[in-house]
Amino acid sequence: MPDSGTSQKKPFEIAREALRQLTVRKLVPTPQNYQTVYNEIAAIPDVQPFPEAALRQIAAELPVKNPGQERQLALLESAIGRRSWAGVQNALVVYAGFASPAGGSEATTAATLIGGGTSPSSAPALTTGFLEQIARLIEYTQPALGDEDARFNEQTQTIVSALRKPETDVLSAKSLLANFSHRVSFMAEDQAEIKANLLRLLHLIFQNIGELSLDDRWLQGQIDGLMAASTPPLSLRRLDDLERRLKDVIFKQTEAKGRAMEAQEEMRKMLLTFIERLSQMTDSTSAFQAKLEDNARQIEQAKTLTEIAPVLKDMVGATRGMASESRSTRDELQAMRKQTASTDAEIAKLHQELDRVSNLARHDPLTGALNRKGLDEAVQREVSAFKRKETPLSVGLLDIDNFKLLNDRLGHASGDAALVHLAEVARQSMRPQDTLARYGGEEFVILMPDTPLDKGIEAMTRLQRELTKRFFLAGTEKVLITFSAGVAQVAPDEPGDDAIKRADQAMYLAKRAGKNRVLGS
């Protein structure tokens, strides 16, 4: 036994004493013996190393007589690789269960388990209620695996019906489940591969549309949103938000593009008129040129001034007509130019409006977080889901500490950059299902579904710690951004706005308590 002074010994002293004990006890100086003596002297529990090689040899020699045993051996290999004793034990126990017992004990075991008794090892009984739960689990899982495979659908119905029959014994049910689970593993792999291929196809389509419409900036913004929404991990909330944005943008596009097409049609007509006028001017110029040439010949042939006078009068009339027609065409072309400039300005304004609508329909233009309109919709959606699923929903409201001083000292541009910095850090710290919104000024709201109050407070505290690790750079100056926050868990039948108000009150108390802290409501 180690003496009372062992805990005061240094590691090199313990190592020296362990070597001495090996000699005194006449033990073979193997690493295992040395480790055992060292642990004894240091009063450390002597935990044997994980026998990975021996366990892998045992797994390799175990026979495989059915799909259930094959799957359990795969789980055993995985548990050995993770050095998990619990995993090894579970895999071996279930593997043994797939082996058929000898003699008449099979019927006895089935009758005992179905009848509600206990197994020889006093394990919980597999009652008919438990089998019904398994049947429901299979039914709930089937939609996720698709209904294209008729053989799998038939197998599913067969096992569900068998599990619900009172006369079904446990061993029969176990055999059905073993074959079914083997089939499910292949179906799940197929569905995962189908999902991955569909995502790749969607990305290819989005990329091609984006390349074909580089001039349509509002459409390019939608393509970027679709690319982001279809990037794993997928989130129904992200897809729902994108759908709402697209509906709003599509409505605006339909209206604006219709006006743009009208404007383009007007420009087309004006161009046709312009070309027609040029043609007329060309004809008039040609006629005028011919007239001048004819008058020149007449003048050359004239012998007296009396003969020249009518020719000059005709030339003056033709010149005046040409000048009048030129002035008329010039005025008409100038009017067309003004109209073209006006139409072009209107089209540019429509393009700008589409850009604005595409990017700012429900999002804050500075931080990219939801604006108040987007927050209202998100709150309604989350509260409805909270009531339907009966899962907790928490709301966090944060306010940057001393933001006015930051603005006054560094300028409003740095203040805006600080807001953007906080929003970026918040998005990286949040879960995919959480929602970030700018509540106003330097205040932000975070909706946290499936989150009770204590976990919501922990999430806001983690965000505070993350901000201390990532300083905000104002030029070359490092600025530590802190915030005070309040968190409220939405109560049953409580409007979401009321929960936000409670979080706001808790945030105010956090400010008064010294700032840079999180309080629950």
Protein backbone atom coordinates (compact mmCIF):
# COMPACT_ATOMS: atom_id res chain seq x y z
CA MET A 1 0.00 0.00 0.00
CA PRO A 2 1.33 3.47 -0.71
CA ASP A 3 2.23 5.55 2.31
CA SER A 4 0.52 8.82 3.21
CA GLY A 5 3.28 10.77 1.55
CA THR A 6 2.70 9.27 -1.88
CA SER A 7 0.54 12.16 -3.01
CA GLN A 8 3.48 14.48 -2.35
CA LYS A 9 5.89 12.54 -4.59
CA LYS A 10 6.90 13.92 -7.95
CA PRO A 11 6.34 11.80 -11.10
CA PHE A 12 10.07 10.99 -11.50
CA GLU A 13 10.18 9.78 -7.89
CA ILE A 14 7.20 7.50 -8.47
CA ALA A 15 8.80 6.17 -11.66
CA ARG A 16 12.06 5.41 -9.80
CA GLU A 17 10.16 3.65 -7.00
CA ALA A 18 8.19 1.61 -9.57
CA LEU A 19 11.42 0.34 -11.14
CA ARG A 20 12.73 -0.57 -7.68
CA GLN A 21 9.53 -2.48 -6.84
CA LEU A 22 9.80 -4.48 -10.05
CA THR A 23 13.23 -5.69 -8.89
CA VAL A 24 12.12 -6.34 -5.29
CA ARG A 25 9.03 -8.31 -6.39
CA LYS A 26 11.01 -10.13 -9.06
CA LEU A 27 8.48 -9.16 -11.76
CA VAL A 28 9.24 -9.29 -15.47
CA PRO A 29 9.88 -5.65 -16.54
CA THR A 30 7.08 -5.55 -19.13
CA PRO A 31 5.21 -2.30 -19.89
CA GLN A 32 2.05 -3.80 -18.37
CA ASN A 33 3.80 -4.75 -15.06
CA TYR A 34 5.49 -1.36 -14.88
CA GLN A 35 2.15 0.44 -15.46
CA THR A 36 0.47 -1.65 -12.73
CA VAL A 37 3.16 -0.93 -10.12
CA TYR A 38 3.32 2.75 -11.09
CA ASN A 39 -0.47 3.12 -10.68
CA GLU A 40 -0.29 1.34 -7.32
CA ILE A 41 2.41 3.66 -5.96
CA ALA A 42 0.69 6.76 -7.35
CA ALA A 43 -2.69 5.63 -5.97
CA ILE A 44 -4.16 5.70 -9.48
CA PRO A 45 -6.89 3.21 -10.46
CA ASP A 46 -5.33 0.42 -12.46
CA VAL A 47 -7.43 0.50 -15.65
CA GLN A 48 -6.44 -2.15 -18.16
CA PRO A 49 -5.88 -0.98 -21.76
CA PHE A 50 -8.62 -1.56 -24.30
CA PRO A 51 -7.93 -4.96 -25.97
CA GLU A 52 -8.69 -3.80 -29.50
CA ALA A 53 -6.67 -6.47 -31.29
CA ALA A 54 -8.18 -9.33 -29.27
CA LEU A 55 -11.71 -8.04 -29.76
CA ARG A 56 -11.21 -7.65 -33.50
CA GLN A 57 -10.00 -11.25 -33.67
CA ILE A 58 -13.12 -12.41 -31.78
CA ALA A 59 -15.35 -10.38 -34.14
CA ALA A 60 -13.65 -11.93 -37.17
CA GLU A 61 -14.36 -15.45 -35.93
CA LEU A 62 -18.03 -14.92 -35.06
CA PRO A 63 -20.32 -16.70 -37.57
CA VAL A 64 -22.89 -14.84 -39.67
CA LYS A 65 -26.11 -16.81 -40.19
CA ASN A 66 -28.66 -14.07 -40.85
CA PRO A 67 -28.88 -10.34 -41.73
CA GLY A 68 -29.40 -9.42 -38.08
CA GLN A 69 -26.10 -10.98 -37.04
CA GLU A 70 -24.37 -9.31 -39.98
CA ARG A 71 -25.60 -5.88 -38.89
CA GLN A 72 -24.63 -6.45 -35.24
CA LEU A 73 -21.13 -7.49 -36.27
CA ALA A 74 -20.83 -4.21 -38.17
CA LEU A 75 -21.91 -2.36 -35.02
CA LEU A 76 -19.41 -4.40 -33.00
CA GLU A 77 -16.58 -3.38 -35.36
CA SER A 78 -17.65 0.26 -35.01
CA ALA A 79 -17.73 0.03 -31.20
CA ILE A 80 -14.25 -1.53 -31.15
CA GLY A 81 -12.95 1.26 -33.34
CA ARG A 82 -14.43 3.82 -30.90
CA ARG A 83 -13.06 1.83 -27.91
CA SER A 84 -16.57 1.78 -26.44
CA TRP A 85 -17.14 -1.00 -23.93
CA ALA A 86 -20.87 -0.18 -23.81
CA GLY A 87 -21.10 -0.44 -27.59
CA VAL A 88 -19.24 -3.78 -27.58
CA GLN A 89 -21.54 -5.15 -24.89
CA ASN A 90 -24.75 -4.04 -26.64
CA ALA A 91 -23.63 -5.42 -30.01
CA LEU A 92 -22.71 -8.81 -28.54
CA VAL A 93 -25.93 -9.09 -26.52
CA VAL A 94 -28.13 -8.31 -29.53
CA TYR A 95 -25.98 -10.57 -31.76
CA ALA A 96 -26.63 -13.45 -29.36
CA GLY A 97 -30.35 -12.72 -29.54
CA PHE A 98 -30.34 -13.43 -33.29
CA ALA A 99 -29.09 -16.97 -32.70
CA SER A 100 -31.88 -19.59 -32.51
CA PRO A 101 -31.99 -21.33 -29.08
CA ALA A 102 -31.68 -25.11 -29.00
CA GLY A 103 -34.39 -27.57 -27.97
CA GLY A 104 -37.78 -26.40 -26.81
CA SER A 105 -36.61 -23.29 -24.95
CA GLU A 106 -37.54 -21.13 -27.96
CA ALA A 107 -41.25 -21.60 -27.50
CA THR A 108 -40.94 -21.20 -23.73
CA THR A 109 -39.03 -17.91 -24.11
CA ALA A 110 -41.57 -16.59 -26.64
CA ALA A 111 -44.48 -17.45 -24.39
CA THR A 112 -42.79 -15.85 -21.39
CA LEU A 113 -42.03 -12.57 -23.18
CA ILE A 114 -45.39 -12.23 -24.90
CA GLY A 115 -47.19 -13.12 -21.72
CA GLY A 116 -45.67 -10.20 -19.90
CA GLY A 117 -43.28 -12.23 -17.74
CA THR A 118 -39.56 -11.70 -17.48
CA SER A 119 -36.64 -13.40 -19.14
CA PRO A 120 -34.24 -15.57 -17.14
CA SER A 121 -32.02 -12.50 -16.73
CA SER A 122 -34.94 -10.46 -15.40
CA ALA A 123 -34.96 -8.18 -18.48
CA PRO A 124 -38.10 -6.09 -19.13
CA ALA A 125 -40.82 -8.00 -20.95
CA LEU A 126 -41.68 -7.43 -24.61
CA THR A 127 -45.40 -6.86 -24.20
CA THR A 128 -47.97 -6.49 -26.95
CA GLY A 129 -48.00 -2.76 -26.19
CA PHE A 130 -44.30 -2.60 -26.92
CA LEU A 131 -44.80 -4.41 -30.22
CA GLU A 132 -47.52 -1.89 -31.08
CA GLN A 133 -45.05 0.93 -30.47
CA ILE A 134 -42.61 -0.74 -32.86
CA ALA A 135 -45.38 -1.03 -35.46
CA ARG A 136 -46.18 2.69 -35.13
CA LEU A 137 -42.49 3.56 -35.37
CA ILE A 138 -42.27 1.65 -38.64
CA GLU A 139 -45.35 3.45 -40.00
CA TYR A 140 -43.94 6.84 -39.01
CA THR A 141 -40.60 6.03 -40.65
CA GLN A 142 -41.98 4.78 -43.97
CA PRO A 143 -42.77 8.23 -45.54
CA ALA A 144 -39.13 9.25 -45.12
CA LEU A 145 -38.02 6.22 -47.14
CA GLY A 146 -40.38 6.85 -50.06
CA ASP A 147 -43.09 4.68 -51.59
CA GLU A 148 -41.52 3.86 -54.98
CA ASP A 149 -40.38 0.36 -53.97
CA ALA A 150 -43.48 -1.85 -54.09
CA ARG A 151 -41.63 -4.79 -52.54
CA PHE A 152 -40.55 -2.69 -49.57
CA ASN A 153 -44.07 -1.31 -49.11
CA GLU A 154 -45.44 -4.85 -49.10
CA GLN A 155 -42.81 -5.94 -46.59
CA THR A 156 -43.67 -2.96 -44.37
CA GLN A 157 -47.37 -3.80 -44.34
CA THR A 158 -46.58 -7.44 -43.59
CA ILE A 159 -44.44 -6.70 -40.55
CA VAL A 160 -46.83 -4.05 -39.20
CA SER A 161 -49.76 -6.48 -39.47
CA ALA A 162 -47.74 -9.26 -37.84
CA LEU A 163 -46.67 -7.08 -34.92
CA ARG A 164 -50.30 -6.20 -34.23
CA LYS A 165 -51.55 -9.78 -34.18
CA PRO A 166 -51.98 -11.10 -30.62
CA GLU A 167 -50.85 -14.57 -31.66
CA THR A 168 -47.48 -13.38 -33.01
CA ASP A 169 -44.63 -14.69 -30.84
CA VAL A 170 -41.53 -12.68 -30.08
CA LEU A 171 -39.13 -14.88 -32.00
CA SER A 172 -41.20 -14.59 -35.16
CA ALA A 173 -41.41 -10.83 -34.70
CA LYS A 174 -37.66 -10.73 -34.11
CA SER A 175 -36.99 -12.58 -37.35
CA LEU A 176 -39.26 -10.22 -39.28
CA LEU A 177 -37.60 -7.18 -37.70
CA ALA A 178 -34.12 -8.50 -38.51
CA ASN A 179 -34.95 -8.86 -42.21
CA PHE A 180 -36.83 -5.55 -42.23
CA SER A 181 -34.00 -3.61 -40.56
CA HIS A 182 -31.57 -5.01 -43.12
CA ARG A 183 -33.85 -3.79 -45.90
CA VAL A 184 -34.33 -0.39 -44.22
CA SER A 185 -30.58 0.17 -44.11
CA PHE A 186 -30.41 -0.15 -47.91
CA MET A 187 -33.47 2.05 -48.39
CA ALA A 188 -32.01 4.74 -46.13
CA GLU A 189 -28.76 4.69 -48.08
CA ASP A 190 -30.69 5.00 -51.34
CA GLN A 191 -32.72 7.96 -50.03
CA ALA A 192 -29.57 9.69 -48.80
CA GLU A 193 -27.95 9.24 -52.21
CA ILE A 194 -31.10 10.45 -53.99
CA LYS A 195 -31.18 13.55 -51.79
CA ALA A 196 -27.51 14.28 -52.46
CA ASN A 197 -27.97 13.85 -56.24
CA LEU A 198 -31.06 16.10 -56.25
CA LEU A 199 -29.13 18.80 -54.42
CA ARG A 200 -26.32 18.55 -56.94
CA LEU A 201 -28.81 18.84 -59.81
CA LEU A 202 -30.48 21.84 -58.17
CA HIS A 203 -27.13 23.56 -57.75
CA LEU A 204 -26.31 22.94 -61.42
CA ILE A 205 -29.66 24.39 -62.47
CA PHE A 206 -29.23 27.44 -60.23
CA GLN A 207 -25.70 28.02 -61.52
CA ASN A 208 -26.82 27.78 -65.17
CA ILE A 209 -29.74 30.16 -64.62
CA GLY A 210 -27.40 32.59 -62.89
CA GLU A 211 -24.92 32.46 -65.78
CA LEU A 212 -27.68 32.98 -68.35
CA SER A 213 -29.07 36.03 -66.53
CA LEU A 214 -26.04 38.01 -65.44
CA ASP A 215 -27.71 41.30 -66.47
CA ASP A 216 -30.74 40.66 -64.23
CA ARG A 217 -29.32 41.62 -60.86
CA TRP A 218 -32.59 41.01 -59.02
CA LEU A 219 -32.77 37.50 -60.49
CA GLN A 220 -29.12 36.90 -59.58
CA GLY A 221 -29.98 37.79 -55.98
CA GLN A 222 -32.70 35.15 -55.96
CA ILE A 223 -30.28 32.56 -57.39
CA ASP A 224 -27.79 33.33 -54.63
CA GLY A 225 -30.56 32.86 -52.07
CA LEU A 226 -31.60 29.54 -53.58
CA MET A 227 -27.99 28.33 -53.60
CA ALA A 228 -27.65 29.22 -49.91
CA ALA A 229 -31.00 27.66 -48.97
CA SER A 230 -30.18 24.38 -50.72
CA THR A 231 -26.77 24.00 -49.10
CA PRO A 232 -26.71 21.32 -46.36
CA PRO A 233 -27.63 21.18 -43.59
CA LEU A 234 -31.08 21.85 -44.97
CA SER A 235 -33.60 23.71 -42.83
CA LEU A 236 -37.33 23.98 -43.39
CA ARG A 237 -37.17 27.39 -41.77
CA ARG A 238 -34.59 28.64 -44.27
CA LEU A 239 -36.66 27.30 -47.18
CA ASP A 240 -39.85 28.83 -45.80
CA ASP A 241 -38.21 32.23 -45.39
CA LEU A 242 -36.83 32.08 -48.92
CA GLU A 243 -40.26 31.12 -50.29
CA ARG A 244 -41.83 34.17 -48.66
CA ARG A 245 -39.13 36.43 -50.05
CA LEU A 246 -39.51 35.00 -53.55
CA LYS A 247 -43.29 35.44 -53.56
CA ASP A 248 -42.92 39.12 -52.69
CA VAL A 249 -40.19 39.65 -55.27
CA ILE A 250 -42.03 37.75 -58.00
CA PHE A 251 -45.09 39.98 -57.51
CA LYS A 252 -42.94 43.09 -57.81
CA GLN A 253 -41.12 41.65 -60.81
CA THR A 254 -44.34 40.88 -62.64
CA GLU A 255 -45.50 44.46 -62.22
CA ALA A 256 -42.16 46.10 -62.94
CA LYS A 257 -41.21 43.87 -65.86
CA GLY A 258 -44.57 44.53 -67.49
CA ARG A 259 -43.87 48.26 -67.35
CA ALA A 260 -40.33 47.67 -68.60
CA MET A 261 -41.66 45.74 -71.59
CA GLU A 262 -44.05 48.61 -72.38
CA ALA A 263 -41.17 51.06 -72.19
CA GLN A 264 -39.04 48.89 -74.45
CA GLU A 265 -41.91 48.67 -76.94
CA GLU A 266 -42.15 52.48 -76.97
CA MET A 267 -38.44 52.70 -77.64
CA ARG A 268 -38.77 50.19 -80.47
CA LYS A 269 -41.50 52.29 -82.08
CA MET A 270 -39.40 55.41 -81.69
CA LEU A 271 -36.46 53.73 -83.36
CA LEU A 272 -38.69 52.69 -86.24
CA THR A 273 -39.91 56.31 -86.58
CA PHE A 274 -36.32 57.54 -86.45
CA ILE A 275 -35.29 55.16 -89.22
CA GLU A 276 -38.31 56.23 -91.27
CA ARG A 277 -37.40 59.89 -90.85
CA LEU A 278 -33.81 59.20 -91.88
CA SER A 279 -35.10 57.45 -94.98
CA GLN A 280 -37.36 60.41 -95.76
CA MET A 281 -34.45 62.79 -95.23
CA THR A 282 -32.34 60.70 -97.58
CA ASP A 283 -35.08 60.79 -100.23
CA SER A 284 -35.58 64.52 -99.77
CA THR A 285 -31.82 65.14 -99.96
CA SER A 286 -31.59 63.06 -103.14
CA ALA A 287 -34.50 64.98 -104.69
CA PHE A 288 -32.97 68.28 -103.64
CA GLN A 289 -29.64 67.25 -105.11
CA ALA A 290 -31.33 66.30 -108.39
CA LYS A 291 -33.19 69.62 -108.41
CA LEU A 292 -29.96 71.55 -107.91
CA GLU A 293 -28.27 69.64 -110.73
CA ASP A 294 -31.23 70.37 -113.05
CA ASN A 295 -31.17 74.05 -112.10
CA ALA A 296 -27.41 74.15 -112.75
CA ARG A 297 -27.95 72.79 -116.26
CA GLN A 298 -30.69 75.33 -116.89
CA ILE A 299 -28.41 78.16 -115.74
CA GLU A 300 -25.64 76.91 -118.03
CA GLN A 301 -28.05 76.89 -120.97
CA ALA A 302 -29.57 80.33 -120.21
CA LYS A 303 -28.46 83.21 -122.45
CA THR A 304 -30.21 86.09 -120.74
CA LEU A 305 -31.00 87.17 -117.19
CA THR A 306 -34.69 86.76 -117.99
CA GLU A 307 -34.14 83.05 -118.48
CA ILE A 308 -32.07 82.79 -115.27
CA ALA A 309 -34.62 84.49 -112.96
CA PRO A 310 -37.24 81.65 -112.94
CA VAL A 311 -34.48 79.12 -112.29
CA LEU A 312 -33.18 81.07 -109.28
CA LYS A 313 -36.71 81.42 -107.94
CA ASP A 314 -37.18 77.65 -108.24
CA MET A 315 -33.85 77.03 -106.44
CA VAL A 316 -34.77 79.35 -103.57
CA GLY A 317 -38.14 77.61 -103.16
CA ALA A 318 -36.52 74.18 -103.14
CA THR A 319 -33.91 75.33 -100.62
CA ARG A 320 -36.53 76.81 -98.32
CA GLY A 321 -38.59 73.61 -98.54
CA MET A 322 -35.54 71.56 -97.72
CA ALA A 323 -34.69 73.79 -94.77
CA SER A 324 -38.26 73.64 -93.47
CA GLU A 325 -38.33 69.87 -93.73
CA SER A 326 -34.95 69.63 -91.97
CA ARG A 327 -36.19 71.83 -89.11
CA SER A 328 -39.32 69.70 -88.76
CA THR A 329 -37.31 66.48 -88.72
CA ARG A 330 -34.83 67.99 -86.26
CA ASP A 331 -37.61 69.00 -83.87
CA GLU A 332 -39.20 65.58 -84.15
CA LEU A 333 -35.89 63.82 -83.50
CA GLN A 334 -35.17 66.05 -80.49
CA ALA A 335 -38.57 65.18 -79.05
CA MET A 336 -37.82 61.51 -79.65
CA ARG A 337 -34.45 61.88 -77.90
CA LYS A 338 -36.08 63.43 -74.84
CA GLN A 339 -38.68 60.70 -74.76
CA THR A 340 -35.96 58.06 -75.10
CA ALA A 341 -33.98 59.57 -72.22
CA SER A 342 -37.12 59.66 -70.07
CA THR A 343 -37.96 56.03 -70.89
CA ASP A 344 -34.38 54.95 -70.22
CA ALA A 345 -34.43 56.70 -66.83
CA GLU A 346 -37.72 55.00 -65.99
CA ILE A 347 -36.29 51.57 -66.87
CA ALA A 348 -33.21 52.26 -64.72
CA LYS A 349 -35.49 53.28 -61.85
CA LEU A 350 -37.46 50.03 -62.25
CA HIS A 351 -34.22 48.06 -62.11
CA GLN A 352 -33.19 49.85 -58.92
CA GLU A 353 -36.60 49.18 -57.38
CA LEU A 354 -36.30 45.49 -58.22
CA ASP A 355 -32.86 45.39 -56.63
CA ARG A 356 -34.23 47.05 -53.51
CA VAL A 357 -37.24 44.77 -53.28
CA SER A 358 -35.16 41.64 -53.87
CA ASN A 359 -32.70 42.43 -51.10
CA LEU A 360 -34.80 44.34 -48.60
CA ALA A 361 -38.24 42.74 -48.71
CA ARG A 362 -37.93 41.38 -45.19
CA HIS A 363 -34.30 42.00 -44.31
CA ASP A 364 -32.38 44.83 -42.72
CA PRO A 365 -30.19 46.44 -45.43
CA LEU A 366 -27.23 47.00 -43.10
CA THR A 367 -26.87 43.72 -41.20
CA GLY A 368 -28.77 41.28 -43.41
CA ALA A 369 -30.86 40.18 -40.40
CA LEU A 370 -34.65 40.16 -40.60
CA ASN A 371 -36.29 43.56 -40.25
CA ARG A 372 -39.40 44.24 -38.14
CA LYS A 373 -41.72 42.96 -40.86
CA GLY A 374 -39.68 39.79 -41.27
CA LEU A 375 -39.54 39.40 -37.47
CA ASP A 376 -43.33 39.65 -37.15
CA GLU A 377 -43.77 36.87 -39.70
CA ALA A 378 -41.08 34.73 -38.06
CA VAL A 379 -42.67 35.17 -34.62
CA GLN A 380 -46.08 34.10 -35.94
CA ARG A 381 -44.52 31.07 -37.63
CA GLU A 382 -42.52 29.99 -34.56
CA VAL A 383 -45.41 30.49 -32.14
CA SER A 384 -47.67 28.40 -34.37
CA ALA A 385 -45.04 25.64 -34.51
CA PHE A 386 -44.55 25.90 -30.73
CA LYS A 387 -48.26 25.37 -30.11
CA ARG A 388 -48.53 22.59 -32.66
CA LYS A 389 -45.50 20.62 -31.50
CA GLU A 390 -45.77 21.56 -27.81
CA THR A 391 -42.02 22.18 -27.66
CA PRO A 392 -40.41 25.11 -25.79
CA LEU A 393 -39.72 28.40 -27.58
CA SER A 394 -37.45 31.08 -26.10
CA VAL A 395 -36.90 34.67 -27.22
CA GLY A 396 -33.70 36.62 -26.55
CA LEU A 397 -33.43 40.41 -26.87
CA LEU A 398 -29.98 41.99 -26.73
CA ASP A 399 -28.85 45.61 -26.67
CA ILE A 400 -25.24 46.67 -27.31
CA ASP A 401 -23.69 48.30 -24.25
CA ASN A 402 -22.51 51.92 -24.55
CA PHE A 403 -23.34 52.06 -28.25
CA LYS A 404 -23.88 55.84 -28.22
CA LEU A 405 -20.40 56.38 -26.81
CA LEU A 406 -18.98 54.14 -29.53
CA ASN A 407 -20.81 56.16 -32.18
CA ASP A 408 -19.69 59.49 -30.73
CA ARG A 409 -16.05 58.44 -30.34
CA LEU A 410 -15.51 56.48 -33.56
CA GLY A 411 -18.19 57.88 -35.84
CA HIS A 412 -21.42 56.52 -37.28
CA ALA A 413 -19.63 54.53 -39.98
CA SER A 414 -17.80 52.56 -37.29
CA GLY A 415 -21.05 52.19 -35.39
CA ASP A 416 -22.68 50.65 -38.45
CA ALA A 417 -19.68 48.36 -38.93
CA ALA A 418 -19.99 47.28 -35.28
CA LEU A 419 -23.63 46.29 -35.87
CA VAL A 420 -22.60 44.25 -38.91
CA HIS A 421 -19.84 42.59 -36.85
CA LEU A 422 -22.25 41.59 -34.10
CA ALA A 423 -24.76 40.19 -36.60
CA GLU A 424 -22.04 38.09 -38.30
CA VAL A 425 -20.79 36.67 -34.99
CA ALA A 426 -24.38 35.96 -33.90
CA ARG A 427 -25.18 34.09 -37.12
CA GLN A 428 -22.06 31.94 -36.76
CA SER A 429 -22.91 31.14 -33.13
CA MET A 430 -26.58 30.33 -33.74
CA ARG A 431 -28.10 27.01 -34.76
CA PRO A 432 -29.59 26.67 -38.27
CA GLN A 433 -33.12 26.69 -36.81
CA ASP A 434 -32.59 29.95 -34.86
CA THR A 435 -33.68 33.31 -36.32
CA LEU A 436 -31.86 36.66 -36.02
CA ALA A 437 -33.71 39.96 -36.46
CA ARG A 438 -32.80 43.61 -35.96
CA TYR A 439 -35.36 44.97 -33.54
CA GLY A 440 -34.32 48.58 -33.87
CA GLY A 441 -31.14 50.68 -33.50
CA GLU A 442 -28.62 48.53 -31.64
CA GLU A 443 -31.20 45.96 -30.48
CA PHE A 444 -31.48 42.45 -31.91
CA VAL A 445 -33.94 39.61 -31.29
CA ILE A 446 -33.05 35.91 -31.52
CA LEU A 447 -35.83 33.32 -31.78
CA MET A 448 -34.74 29.95 -30.37
CA PRO A 449 -37.19 27.08 -31.06
CA ASP A 450 -37.00 23.82 -29.09
CA THR A 451 -35.21 25.76 -26.34
CA PRO A 452 -36.31 26.13 -22.70
CA LEU A 453 -35.46 29.25 -20.68
CA ASP A 454 -32.25 27.95 -19.08
CA LYS A 455 -30.85 26.79 -22.43
CA GLY A 456 -31.81 30.14 -23.99
CA ILE A 457 -29.83 31.97 -21.31
CA GLU A 458 -26.87 29.66 -21.97
CA ALA A 459 -27.05 30.39 -25.71
CA MET A 460 -26.99 34.17 -25.18
CA THR A 461 -24.11 33.80 -22.71
CA ARG A 462 -22.15 31.78 -25.30
CA LEU A 463 -22.65 34.60 -27.78
CA GLN A 464 -21.25 37.04 -25.22
CA ARG A 465 -18.16 34.85 -24.79
CA GLU A 466 -17.75 34.58 -28.56
CA LEU A 467 -17.74 38.38 -28.87
CA THR A 468 -14.92 38.59 -26.31
CA LYS A 469 -12.84 36.29 -28.53
CA ARG A 470 -13.49 38.26 -31.70
CA PHE A 471 -12.69 41.95 -31.30
CA PHE A 472 -14.26 44.52 -33.59
CA LEU A 473 -11.66 46.43 -35.61
CA ALA A 474 -12.34 50.16 -36.03
CA GLY A 475 -9.46 50.99 -38.35
CA THR A 476 -6.47 49.70 -36.41
CA GLU A 477 -8.16 49.94 -33.00
CA LYS A 478 -9.53 46.80 -31.34
CA VAL A 479 -12.90 47.41 -29.72
CA LEU A 480 -14.58 44.95 -27.36
CA ILE A 481 -18.33 44.83 -28.00
CA THR A 482 -20.54 43.70 -25.13
CA PHE A 483 -24.29 43.53 -24.76
CA SER A 484 -26.96 43.10 -22.13
CA ALA A 485 -29.74 40.65 -22.87
CA GLY A 486 -33.02 39.33 -21.56
CA VAL A 487 -34.50 35.93 -22.35
CA ALA A 488 -38.14 34.85 -22.05
CA GLN A 489 -39.74 31.49 -22.70
CA VAL A 490 -43.05 31.82 -24.53
CA ALA A 491 -45.87 30.64 -22.28
CA PRO A 492 -48.87 28.64 -23.58
CA ASP A 493 -51.42 30.93 -25.25
CA GLU A 494 -49.02 33.90 -24.89
CA PRO A 495 -48.62 36.12 -27.97
CA GLY A 496 -45.07 36.28 -29.25
CA ASP A 497 -44.99 40.07 -28.88
CA ASP A 498 -45.70 39.74 -25.16
CA ALA A 499 -42.77 37.37 -24.76
CA ILE A 500 -40.52 39.88 -26.55
CA LYS A 501 -41.72 42.59 -24.15
CA ARG A 502 -40.82 40.38 -21.17
CA ALA A 503 -37.38 39.77 -22.68
CA ASP A 504 -37.03 43.54 -23.15
CA GLN A 505 -37.84 44.12 -19.46
CA ALA A 506 -35.25 41.51 -18.42
CA MET A 507 -32.70 43.20 -20.69
CA TYR A 508 -33.41 46.54 -18.98
CA LEU A 509 -32.79 44.92 -15.59
CA ALA A 510 -29.53 43.47 -16.93
CA LYS A 511 -28.46 46.98 -17.95
CA ARG A 512 -29.22 48.32 -14.49
CA ALA A 513 -27.41 45.41 -12.85
CA GLY A 514 -24.12 46.40 -14.46
CA LYS A 515 -24.40 45.54 -18.18
CA ASN A 516 -22.71 42.69 -20.08
CA ARG A 517 -24.96 40.06 -18.54
CA VAL A 518 -28.01 37.94 -19.40
CA LEU A 519 -31.15 37.70 -17.26
CA GLY A 520 -34.21 35.52 -17.68
CA SER A 521 -37.82 36.59 -17.38
